[in-house]
C-alpha atoms as a PDB file:
ATOM      1  CA  MET A   1     -32.529  15.210  -9.266  1.00  0.00           C
ATOM      2  CA  ASN A   2     -32.983  13.093 -12.350  1.00  0.00           C
ATOM      3  CA  LYS A   3     -31.581   9.639 -13.021  1.00  0.00           C
ATOM      4  CA  SER A   4     -28.651  10.972 -15.081  1.00  0.00           C
ATOM      5  CA  GLU A   5     -27.493  13.326 -12.313  1.00  0.00           C
ATOM      6  CA  SER A   6     -27.869  10.562  -9.727  1.00  0.00           C
ATOM      7  CA  SER A   7     -25.825   8.200 -11.890  1.00  0.00           C
ATOM      8  CA  ARG A   8     -23.053  10.796 -12.317  1.00  0.00           C
ATOM      9  CA  MET A   9     -22.993  11.493  -8.578  1.00  0.00           C
ATOM     10  CA  LYS A  10     -22.728   7.769  -7.816  1.00  0.00           C
ATOM     11  CA  LYS A  11     -19.943   7.371 -10.376  1.00  0.00           C
ATOM     12  CA  GLY A  12     -18.105  10.361  -8.882  1.00  0.00           C
ATOM     13  CA  ALA A  13     -18.460   9.026  -5.329  1.00  0.00           C
ATOM     14  CA  VAL A  14     -17.216   5.596  -6.409  1.00  0.00           C
ATOM     15  CA  ALA A  15     -14.265   7.234  -8.201  1.00  0.00           C
ATOM     16  CA  ILE A  16     -13.272   9.273  -5.126  1.00  0.00           C
ATOM     17  CA  ILE A  17     -13.730   6.511  -2.540  1.00  0.00           C
ATOM     18  CA  GLY A  18     -12.241   3.775  -4.718  1.00  0.00           C
ATOM     19  CA  GLY A  19      -9.351   6.031  -5.718  1.00  0.00           C
ATOM     20  CA  LEU A  20      -8.540   6.862  -2.093  1.00  0.00           C
ATOM     21  CA  VAL A  21      -8.673   3.206  -1.037  1.00  0.00           C
ATOM     22  CA  LEU A  22      -6.466   2.288  -4.003  1.00  0.00           C
ATOM     23  CA  LEU A  23      -3.946   5.031  -3.142  1.00  0.00           C
ATOM     24  CA  ILE A  24      -3.762   3.918   0.498  1.00  0.00           C
ATOM     25  CA  GLY A  25      -3.216   0.341  -0.678  1.00  0.00           C
ATOM     26  CA  ILE A  26      -0.416   1.344  -3.038  1.00  0.00           C
ATOM     27  CA  ILE A  27       1.308   3.228  -0.219  1.00  0.00           C
ATOM     28  CA  ALA A  28       0.903   0.186   2.074  1.00  0.00           C
ATOM     29  CA  ILE A  29       2.261  -2.416  -0.392  1.00  0.00           C
ATOM     30  CA  PRO A  30       5.882  -2.488   0.819  1.00  0.00           C
ATOM     31  CA  TYR A  31       4.900  -2.882   4.459  1.00  0.00           C
ATOM     32  CA  PRO A  32       3.895  -6.014   6.329  1.00  0.00           C
ATOM     33  CA  GLY A  33       0.145  -6.195   6.399  1.00  0.00           C
ATOM     34  CA  PRO A  34      -2.753  -5.935   4.044  1.00  0.00           C
ATOM     35  CA  GLY A  35      -1.334  -3.605   1.354  1.00  0.00           C
ATOM     36  CA  TRP A  36      -2.327  -5.776  -1.586  1.00  0.00           C
ATOM     37  CA  LEU A  37      -5.692  -6.557  -0.003  1.00  0.00           C
ATOM     38  CA  ILE A  38      -6.382  -2.809   0.203  1.00  0.00           C
ATOM     39  CA  VAL A  39      -5.310  -2.371  -3.445  1.00  0.00           C
ATOM     40  CA  PHE A  40      -7.664  -5.141  -4.535  1.00  0.00           C
ATOM     41  CA  ALA A  41     -10.473  -3.612  -2.431  1.00  0.00           C
ATOM     42  CA  GLY A  42      -9.927  -0.219  -4.082  1.00  0.00           C
ATOM     43  CA  LEU A  43      -9.979  -1.776  -7.537  1.00  0.00           C
ATOM     44  CA  GLY A  44     -13.079  -3.750  -6.555  1.00  0.00           C
ATOM     45  CA  ILE A  45     -14.851  -0.541  -5.553  1.00  0.00           C
ATOM     46  CA  LEU A  46     -13.796   1.162  -8.790  1.00  0.00           C
ATOM     47  CA  SER A  47     -14.815  -1.860 -10.862  1.00  0.00           C
ATOM     48  CA  THR A  48     -18.461  -1.373  -9.851  1.00  0.00           C
ATOM     49  CA  GLU A  49     -18.540   1.671 -12.139  1.00  0.00           C
ATOM     50  CA  PHE A  50     -15.474   1.424 -14.405  1.00  0.00           C
ATOM     51  CA  GLU A  51     -14.709  -1.408 -16.843  1.00  0.00           C
ATOM     52  CA  TRP A  52     -10.988  -0.523 -16.926  1.00  0.00           C
ATOM     53  CA  ALA A  53     -10.811  -1.132 -13.169  1.00  0.00           C
ATOM     54  CA  GLN A  54     -12.284  -4.615 -13.600  1.00  0.00           C
ATOM     55  CA  ARG A  55      -9.688  -5.441 -16.259  1.00  0.00           C
ATOM     56  CA  LEU A  56      -6.896  -4.049 -14.049  1.00  0.00           C
ATOM     57  CA  LEU A  57      -8.181  -5.985 -11.040  1.00  0.00           C
ATOM     58  CA  THR A  58      -8.157  -9.244 -13.012  1.00  0.00           C
ATOM     59  CA  PHE A  59      -4.675  -8.529 -14.392  1.00  0.00           C
ATOM     60  CA  ALA A  60      -3.222  -7.437 -11.021  1.00  0.00           C
ATOM     61  CA  ARG A  61      -4.677 -10.424  -9.227  1.00  0.00           C
ATOM     62  CA  SER A  62      -3.162 -12.843 -11.746  1.00  0.00           C
ATOM     63  CA  LYS A  63       0.261 -11.169 -11.429  1.00  0.00           C
ATOM     64  CA  TYR A  64       0.014 -11.187  -7.628  1.00  0.00           C
ATOM     65  CA  ASP A  65      -0.839 -14.901  -7.632  1.00  0.00           C
ATOM     66  CA  ALA A  66       2.064 -15.591 -10.018  1.00  0.00           C
ATOM     67  CA  TRP A  67       4.450 -13.605  -7.763  1.00  0.00           C
ATOM     68  CA  GLN A  68       3.290 -15.491  -4.673  1.00  0.00           C
ATOM     69  CA  GLY A  69       3.757 -18.807  -6.488  1.00  0.00           C
ATOM     70  CA  TRP A  70       7.236 -17.800  -7.622  1.00  0.00           C
ATOM     71  CA  LEU A  71       8.271 -16.668  -4.139  1.00  0.00           C
ATOM     72  CA  LYS A  72       6.899 -19.842  -2.558  1.00  0.00           C
ATOM     73  CA  ALA A  73       8.991 -21.968  -4.939  1.00  0.00           C
ATOM     74  CA  GLN A  74      12.242 -20.161  -4.093  1.00  0.00           C
ATOM     75  CA  SER A  75      14.970 -21.342  -1.784  1.00  0.00           C
ATOM     76  CA  VAL A  76      15.206 -20.258   1.825  1.00  0.00           C
ATOM     77  CA  TYR A  77      18.110 -18.019   0.770  1.00  0.00           C
ATOM     78  CA  VAL A  78      15.985 -16.042  -1.733  1.00  0.00           C
ATOM     79  CA  LYS A  79      13.067 -15.825   0.707  1.00  0.00           C
ATOM     80  CA  THR A  80      15.416 -14.552   3.413  1.00  0.00           C
ATOM     81  CA  ILE A  81      16.797 -11.848   1.109  1.00  0.00           C
ATOM     82  CA  PHE A  82      13.243 -10.847   0.171  1.00  0.00           C
ATOM     83  CA  TRP A  83      12.172 -10.482   3.819  1.00  0.00           C
ATOM     84  CA  LEU A  84      15.379  -8.671   4.776  1.00  0.00           C
ATOM     85  CA  LEU A  85      14.828  -6.157   1.971  1.00  0.00           C
ATOM     86  CA  THR A  86      11.184  -5.750   3.020  1.00  0.00           C
ATOM     87  CA  GLY A  87      12.323  -5.107   6.589  1.00  0.00           C
ATOM     88  CA  LEU A  88      14.875  -2.580   5.344  1.00  0.00           C
ATOM     89  CA  VAL A  89      12.132  -0.675   3.480  1.00  0.00           C
ATOM     90  CA  VAL A  90       9.979  -0.590   6.627  1.00  0.00           C
ATOM     91  CA  VAL A  91      12.802   0.502   8.954  1.00  0.00           C
ATOM     92  CA  THR A  92      14.011   3.166   6.515  1.00  0.00           C
ATOM     93  CA  THR A  93      10.529   4.582   5.998  1.00  0.00           C
ATOM     94  CA  ILE A  94       9.834   4.774   9.726  1.00  0.00           C
ATOM     95  CA  TRP A  95      13.170   6.594  10.159  1.00  0.00           C
ATOM     96  CA  LEU A  96      12.461   9.019   7.297  1.00  0.00           C
ATOM     97  CA  LEU A  97       9.007   9.764   8.722  1.00  0.00           C
ATOM     98  CA  ASN A  98      10.718  10.449  12.091  1.00  0.00           C
ATOM     99  CA  GLY A  99       9.083   7.562  13.969  1.00  0.00           C
ATOM    100  CA  TYR A 100      12.310   6.808  15.815  1.00  0.00           C
ATOM    101  CA  GLY A 101      12.886  10.518  16.415  1.00  0.00           C
ATOM    102  CA  LEU A 102       9.550  10.767  18.216  1.00  0.00           C
ATOM    103  CA  ILE A 103      10.436   7.851  20.485  1.00  0.00           C
ATOM    104  CA  ASN A 104      13.863   9.425  21.012  1.00  0.00           C
ATOM    105  CA  SER A 105      12.299  12.717  22.125  1.00  0.00           C
ATOM    106  CA  TRP A 106       9.532  11.121  24.236  1.00  0.00           C
ATOM    107  CA  PHE A 107      12.011   9.108  26.286  1.00  0.00           C
ATOM    108  CA  ASN A 108      14.862  11.648  26.086  1.00  0.00           C
ATOM    109  CA  LEU A 109      17.264   8.982  24.817  1.00  0.00           C
ATOM    110  CA  GLY A 110      19.802  11.358  23.264  1.00  0.00           C
ATOM    111  CA  PHE A 111      20.185   9.376  20.023  1.00  0.00           C
ATOM    112  CA  ASP A 112      20.592  12.166  17.468  1.00  0.00           C
ATOM    113  CA  TRP A 113      20.921   9.631  14.644  1.00  0.00           C
ATOM    114  CA  ALA A 114      17.324   8.515  15.318  1.00  0.00           C
ATOM    115  CA  ASN A 115      15.980  11.840  14.044  1.00  0.00           C
ATOM    116  CA  SER A 116      14.965  11.920  10.394  1.00  0.00           C
ATOM    117  CA  PRO A 117      17.077  14.073   8.092  1.00  0.00           C
ATOM    118  CA  LEU A 118      13.776  15.273   6.587  1.00  0.00           C
ATOM    119  CA  VAL A 119      12.510  16.760   9.859  1.00  0.00           C
ATOM    120  CA  LYS A 120      14.257  19.717  11.399  1.00  0.00           C
END
């Protein structure tokens, strides 16, 4: 294998691994936990081989920092609405993915409403 082939293979591996990490991070953003950290890690991996990823990482980080600063400066009322909406996204997603339906069936609770409308 020559240097050019090795370089292309490395670039391809970085693209696949970085892309997967980035995708997982994007999916995890609305949930409590390290969603944005995973996004930044994915962009960091991609930025080792792609200039556009470095520019996007710098841009995204500045916007994230600005968002955090804005949220920190808000009233308790706005922060409460933000966290309630975040909680609603989490609860709704768990329901749609049938998380509550599984618990319902495991413990034979009889709560038909706990079953996701997407799972039959």
